[in-house]
Amino acid sequence: MCGMEKPSGRQPAAVEAAAVAPRARASNYPEPFASWVRGREKRVLGDLFGLNNFGVNLTRLAPGAQSALKHRHSRQDEFVFILEGEPTLLLDDDEIVLHAGMCAGFPAEGAAHCLINRSDADVVYLEIGDRSAGDAASYPDDDLAAALGPDGRWTFSHKDGRRY
């Protein structure tokens, strides 16, 4: 262990990120949207360390997969750092091909965004976002709205308010 993990029952001090088990549930989105992010694998690192103010995920996109539906948050800032591969960053009115070593940030109420892997190789990146209470997400291209509940779980509805 070389001092990397704390005694059983406590959060580890350090881990090999790629060795963390992927999140069991591939997506929180309701269908048909959950299928749209098939090929995305998240290793939830922030929760592993008991982080409450922000989340950190090590995310892998298989060829053809996308990170999320194009969205923006009302209160949450987001940041991604590309470790491997060449994803395409989709924005409201632009597309940018990223590569390892590049990063992008998305302030609350900023441009709608998502990553898509249009290449033949996996894309691996770190995603970091805060956990602002009362956050909501809007999806300009889809009939979807999301709200972060007091329990930290997302609820999804149609844009007219009907729940999925």
C-alpha atoms as a PDB file:
ATOM      1  CA  MET A   1       0.000   0.000   0.000  1.00  0.00           C
ATOM      2  CA  CYS A   2       2.957   2.356   0.495  1.00  0.00           C
ATOM      3  CA  GLY A   3       0.828   4.831   2.442  1.00  0.00           C
ATOM      4  CA  MET A   4      -1.597   5.313  -0.443  1.00  0.00           C
ATOM      5  CA  GLU A   5      -4.740   4.174   1.362  1.00  0.00           C
ATOM      6  CA  LYS A   6      -6.087   4.884   4.809  1.00  0.00           C
ATOM      7  CA  PRO A   7      -7.282   2.054   7.056  1.00  0.00           C
ATOM      8  CA  SER A   8     -10.479   0.261   6.068  1.00  0.00           C
ATOM      9  CA  GLY A   9     -13.701   2.258   6.351  1.00  0.00           C
ATOM     10  CA  ARG A  10     -12.119   5.626   5.545  1.00  0.00           C
ATOM     11  CA  GLN A  11     -11.514   7.498   2.317  1.00  0.00           C
ATOM     12  CA  PRO A  12      -8.229   6.656   0.625  1.00  0.00           C
ATOM     13  CA  ALA A  13      -5.448   9.226   0.567  1.00  0.00           C
ATOM     14  CA  ALA A  14      -4.511   8.353  -3.025  1.00  0.00           C
ATOM     15  CA  VAL A  15      -5.479   5.862  -5.726  1.00  0.00           C
ATOM     16  CA  GLU A  16      -4.599   4.847  -9.258  1.00  0.00           C
ATOM     17  CA  ALA A  17      -7.437   6.655 -11.076  1.00  0.00           C
ATOM     18  CA  ALA A  18      -7.740   4.136 -13.911  1.00  0.00           C
ATOM     19  CA  ALA A  19      -8.135   1.326 -11.350  1.00  0.00           C
ATOM     20  CA  VAL A  20     -11.280   2.881  -9.825  1.00  0.00           C
ATOM     21  CA  ALA A  21     -14.359   0.932 -10.913  1.00  0.00           C
ATOM     22  CA  PRO A  22     -16.509   2.729 -13.503  1.00  0.00           C
ATOM     23  CA  ARG A  23     -19.822   4.160 -12.350  1.00  0.00           C
ATOM     24  CA  ALA A  24     -22.370   1.335 -12.384  1.00  0.00           C
ATOM     25  CA  ARG A  25     -25.128   3.397 -13.985  1.00  0.00           C
ATOM     26  CA  ALA A  26     -23.937   4.732 -17.316  1.00  0.00           C
ATOM     27  CA  SER A  27     -26.245   7.765 -17.340  1.00  0.00           C
ATOM     28  CA  ASN A  28     -28.756   9.665 -15.216  1.00  0.00           C
ATOM     29  CA  TYR A  29     -30.632  10.754 -18.351  1.00  0.00           C
ATOM     30  CA  PRO A  30     -34.063   9.270 -19.039  1.00  0.00           C
ATOM     31  CA  GLU A  31     -34.554   7.410 -22.321  1.00  0.00           C
ATOM     32  CA  PRO A  32     -34.226   8.098 -25.149  1.00  0.00           C
ATOM     33  CA  PHE A  33     -31.370  10.383 -24.065  1.00  0.00           C
ATOM     34  CA  ALA A  34     -29.459   7.790 -22.005  1.00  0.00           C
ATOM     35  CA  SER A  35     -28.809   5.822 -25.197  1.00  0.00           C
ATOM     36  CA  TRP A  36     -27.206   8.877 -26.778  1.00  0.00           C
ATOM     37  CA  VAL A  37     -24.284   8.740 -24.343  1.00  0.00           C
ATOM     38  CA  ARG A  38     -23.682   5.005 -24.720  1.00  0.00           C
ATOM     39  CA  GLY A  39     -19.936   4.446 -24.930  1.00  0.00           C
ATOM     40  CA  ARG A  40     -19.199   6.929 -22.138  1.00  0.00           C
ATOM     41  CA  GLU A  41     -17.510   5.494 -19.039  1.00  0.00           C
ATOM     42  CA  LYS A  42     -17.050   7.576 -15.876  1.00  0.00           C
ATOM     43  CA  ARG A  43     -14.824   6.822 -12.925  1.00  0.00           C
ATOM     44  CA  VAL A  44     -16.178   8.991 -10.129  1.00  0.00           C
ATOM     45  CA  LEU A  45     -13.088  10.175  -8.280  1.00  0.00           C
ATOM     46  CA  GLY A  46     -14.342  13.077  -6.170  1.00  0.00           C
ATOM     47  CA  ASP A  47     -16.867  10.955  -4.266  1.00  0.00           C
ATOM     48  CA  LEU A  48     -14.156   8.390  -3.527  1.00  0.00           C
ATOM     49  CA  PHE A  49     -12.300  11.027  -1.494  1.00  0.00           C
ATOM     50  CA  GLY A  50     -15.427  12.382   0.203  1.00  0.00           C
ATOM     51  CA  LEU A  51     -15.354  15.674  -1.722  1.00  0.00           C
ATOM     52  CA  ASN A  52     -18.582  17.613  -1.229  1.00  0.00           C
ATOM     53  CA  ASN A  53     -18.003  20.979  -2.925  1.00  0.00           C
ATOM     54  CA  PHE A  54     -16.983  19.734  -6.355  1.00  0.00           C
ATOM     55  CA  GLY A  55     -16.946  16.548  -8.386  1.00  0.00           C
ATOM     56  CA  VAL A  56     -14.130  15.016 -10.406  1.00  0.00           C
ATOM     57  CA  ASN A  57     -14.571  12.265 -12.979  1.00  0.00           C
ATOM     58  CA  LEU A  58     -12.093  10.398 -15.140  1.00  0.00           C
ATOM     59  CA  THR A  59     -14.146   9.885 -18.302  1.00  0.00           C
ATOM     60  CA  ARG A  60     -13.520   7.721 -21.354  1.00  0.00           C
ATOM     61  CA  LEU A  61     -15.425   8.156 -24.617  1.00  0.00           C
ATOM     62  CA  ALA A  62     -15.346   5.294 -27.083  1.00  0.00           C
ATOM     63  CA  PRO A  63     -15.318   6.228 -30.779  1.00  0.00           C
ATOM     64  CA  GLY A  64     -18.707   7.743 -31.639  1.00  0.00           C
ATOM     65  CA  ALA A  65     -19.659   8.423 -28.000  1.00  0.00           C
ATOM     66  CA  GLN A  66     -20.471  11.809 -26.536  1.00  0.00           C
ATOM     67  CA  SER A  67     -19.991  13.224 -23.045  1.00  0.00           C
ATOM     68  CA  ALA A  68     -23.507  14.540 -22.534  1.00  0.00           C
ATOM     69  CA  LEU A  69     -26.297  16.212 -24.419  1.00  0.00           C
ATOM     70  CA  LYS A  70     -25.364  19.765 -25.327  1.00  0.00           C
ATOM     71  CA  HIS A  71     -26.194  21.674 -22.137  1.00  0.00           C
ATOM     72  CA  ARG A  72     -25.467  24.619 -19.863  1.00  0.00           C
ATOM     73  CA  HIS A  73     -25.784  24.916 -16.095  1.00  0.00           C
ATOM     74  CA  SER A  74     -27.501  27.730 -14.231  1.00  0.00           C
ATOM     75  CA  ARG A  75     -25.050  27.754 -11.299  1.00  0.00           C
ATOM     76  CA  GLN A  76     -22.360  25.150 -11.896  1.00  0.00           C
ATOM     77  CA  ASP A  77     -19.007  25.894 -13.485  1.00  0.00           C
ATOM     78  CA  GLU A  78     -17.385  23.026 -15.400  1.00  0.00           C
ATOM     79  CA  PHE A  79     -13.847  22.309 -16.581  1.00  0.00           C
ATOM     80  CA  VAL A  80     -12.366  19.536 -18.734  1.00  0.00           C
ATOM     81  CA  PHE A  81      -8.730  18.575 -19.306  1.00  0.00           C
ATOM     82  CA  ILE A  82      -7.972  16.220 -22.196  1.00  0.00           C
ATOM     83  CA  LEU A  83      -5.541  13.424 -21.321  1.00  0.00           C
ATOM     84  CA  GLU A  84      -5.773  11.244 -24.458  1.00  0.00           C
ATOM     85  CA  GLY A  85      -7.390  11.457 -27.866  1.00  0.00           C
ATOM     86  CA  GLU A  86      -9.045  14.164 -29.930  1.00  0.00           C
ATOM     87  CA  PRO A  87     -12.631  14.976 -28.985  1.00  0.00           C
ATOM     88  CA  THR A  88     -14.661  17.640 -30.737  1.00  0.00           C
ATOM     89  CA  LEU A  89     -16.044  20.306 -28.441  1.00  0.00           C
ATOM     90  CA  LEU A  90     -19.527  21.304 -29.597  1.00  0.00           C
ATOM     91  CA  LEU A  91     -20.609  24.788 -28.544  1.00  0.00           C
ATOM     92  CA  ASP A  92     -23.700  26.870 -29.246  1.00  0.00           C
ATOM     93  CA  ASP A  93     -22.321  28.064 -32.575  1.00  0.00           C
ATOM     94  CA  ASP A  94     -18.849  26.529 -32.943  1.00  0.00           C
ATOM     95  CA  GLU A  95     -16.887  23.273 -32.990  1.00  0.00           C
ATOM     96  CA  ILE A  96     -13.286  22.924 -31.805  1.00  0.00           C
ATOM     97  CA  VAL A  97     -11.124  19.800 -32.096  1.00  0.00           C
ATOM     98  CA  LEU A  98      -9.211  19.345 -28.846  1.00  0.00           C
ATOM     99  CA  HIS A  99      -6.146  17.200 -28.186  1.00  0.00           C
ATOM    100  CA  ALA A 100      -4.190  15.894 -25.199  1.00  0.00           C
ATOM    101  CA  GLY A 101      -3.004  18.735 -23.016  1.00  0.00           C
ATOM    102  CA  MET A 102      -5.848  21.085 -23.965  1.00  0.00           C
ATOM    103  CA  CYS A 103      -8.515  22.201 -21.549  1.00  0.00           C
ATOM    104  CA  ALA A 104     -11.816  24.043 -21.695  1.00  0.00           C
ATOM    105  CA  GLY A 105     -13.971  25.779 -19.116  1.00  0.00           C
ATOM    106  CA  PHE A 106     -17.668  26.506 -19.017  1.00  0.00           C
ATOM    107  CA  PRO A 107     -18.956  29.127 -16.577  1.00  0.00           C
ATOM    108  CA  ALA A 108     -22.511  28.919 -15.297  1.00  0.00           C
ATOM    109  CA  GLU A 109     -24.989  30.395 -17.813  1.00  0.00           C
ATOM    110  CA  GLY A 110     -22.245  30.262 -20.467  1.00  0.00           C
ATOM    111  CA  ALA A 111     -22.261  28.514 -23.821  1.00  0.00           C
ATOM    112  CA  ALA A 112     -24.065  25.210 -24.162  1.00  0.00           C
ATOM    113  CA  HIS A 113     -21.480  22.489 -24.698  1.00  0.00           C
ATOM    114  CA  CYS A 114     -20.600  18.799 -24.935  1.00  0.00           C
ATOM    115  CA  LEU A 115     -17.772  16.637 -26.248  1.00  0.00           C
ATOM    116  CA  ILE A 116     -18.151  14.051 -28.990  1.00  0.00           C
ATOM    117  CA  ASN A 117     -15.561  11.521 -30.080  1.00  0.00           C
ATOM    118  CA  ARG A 118     -15.528  11.554 -33.881  1.00  0.00           C
ATOM    119  CA  SER A 119     -12.139   9.793 -34.004  1.00  0.00           C
ATOM    120  CA  ASP A 120     -11.236   6.096 -34.235  1.00  0.00           C
ATOM    121  CA  ALA A 121      -9.493   6.033 -30.815  1.00  0.00           C
ATOM    122  CA  ASP A 122     -10.722   6.439 -27.246  1.00  0.00           C
ATOM    123  CA  VAL A 123     -10.772   9.885 -25.653  1.00  0.00           C
ATOM    124  CA  VAL A 124      -9.866  10.211 -21.955  1.00  0.00           C
ATOM    125  CA  TYR A 125     -10.348  13.393 -19.947  1.00  0.00           C
ATOM    126  CA  LEU A 126     -10.843  14.771 -16.467  1.00  0.00           C
ATOM    127  CA  GLU A 127     -14.064  16.649 -15.833  1.00  0.00           C
ATOM    128  CA  ILE A 128     -14.491  18.875 -12.814  1.00  0.00           C
ATOM    129  CA  GLY A 129     -17.622  20.685 -11.737  1.00  0.00           C
ATOM    130  CA  ASP A 130     -18.914  22.309  -8.597  1.00  0.00           C
ATOM    131  CA  ARG A 131     -22.003  21.103  -6.785  1.00  0.00           C
ATOM    132  CA  SER A 132     -23.918  24.345  -6.439  1.00  0.00           C
ATOM    133  CA  ALA A 133     -27.234  23.947  -4.631  1.00  0.00           C
ATOM    134  CA  GLY A 134     -30.231  24.853  -6.759  1.00  0.00           C
ATOM    135  CA  ASP A 135     -28.414  24.179 -10.034  1.00  0.00           C
ATOM    136  CA  ALA A 136     -30.429  23.466 -13.165  1.00  0.00           C
ATOM    137  CA  ALA A 137     -29.375  22.371 -16.627  1.00  0.00           C
ATOM    138  CA  SER A 138     -30.914  23.428 -19.921  1.00  0.00           C
ATOM    139  CA  TYR A 139     -30.575  21.557 -23.207  1.00  0.00           C
ATOM    140  CA  PRO A 140     -31.092  23.897 -26.167  1.00  0.00           C
ATOM    141  CA  ASP A 141     -31.289  21.128 -28.783  1.00  0.00           C
ATOM    142  CA  ASP A 142     -33.511  18.683 -26.886  1.00  0.00           C
ATOM    143  CA  ASP A 143     -36.864  18.513 -25.055  1.00  0.00           C
ATOM    144  CA  LEU A 144     -35.163  18.139 -21.693  1.00  0.00           C
ATOM    145  CA  ALA A 145     -34.648  20.169 -18.534  1.00  0.00           C
ATOM    146  CA  ALA A 146     -32.907  19.081 -15.318  1.00  0.00           C
ATOM    147  CA  ALA A 147     -32.919  20.309 -11.727  1.00  0.00           C
ATOM    148  CA  LEU A 148     -30.573  19.337  -8.924  1.00  0.00           C
ATOM    149  CA  GLY A 149     -32.608  18.409  -5.868  1.00  0.00           C
ATOM    150  CA  PRO A 150     -31.640  19.006  -2.236  1.00  0.00           C
ATOM    151  CA  ASP A 151     -30.655  15.320  -2.066  1.00  0.00           C
ATOM    152  CA  GLY A 152     -27.989  15.900  -4.750  1.00  0.00           C
ATOM    153  CA  ARG A 153     -29.919  13.936  -7.389  1.00  0.00           C
ATOM    154  CA  TRP A 154     -30.992  15.240 -10.778  1.00  0.00           C
ATOM    155  CA  THR A 155     -34.646  15.156 -11.815  1.00  0.00           C
ATOM    156  CA  PHE A 156     -35.555  15.426 -15.485  1.00  0.00           C
ATOM    157  CA  SER A 157     -38.575  16.891 -17.204  1.00  0.00           C
ATOM    158  CA  HIS A 158     -39.791  17.959 -20.606  1.00  0.00           C
ATOM    159  CA  LYS A 159     -39.387  21.677 -21.280  1.00  0.00           C
ATOM    160  CA  ASP A 160     -43.117  22.119 -20.602  1.00  0.00           C
ATOM    161  CA  GLY A 161     -42.631  20.726 -17.075  1.00  0.00           C
ATOM    162  CA  ARG A 162     -43.942  17.167 -17.562  1.00  0.00           C
ATOM    163  CA  ARG A 163     -41.654  14.676 -15.765  1.00  0.00           C
ATOM    164  CA  TYR A 164     -39.895  11.882 -17.575  1.00  0.00           C
END
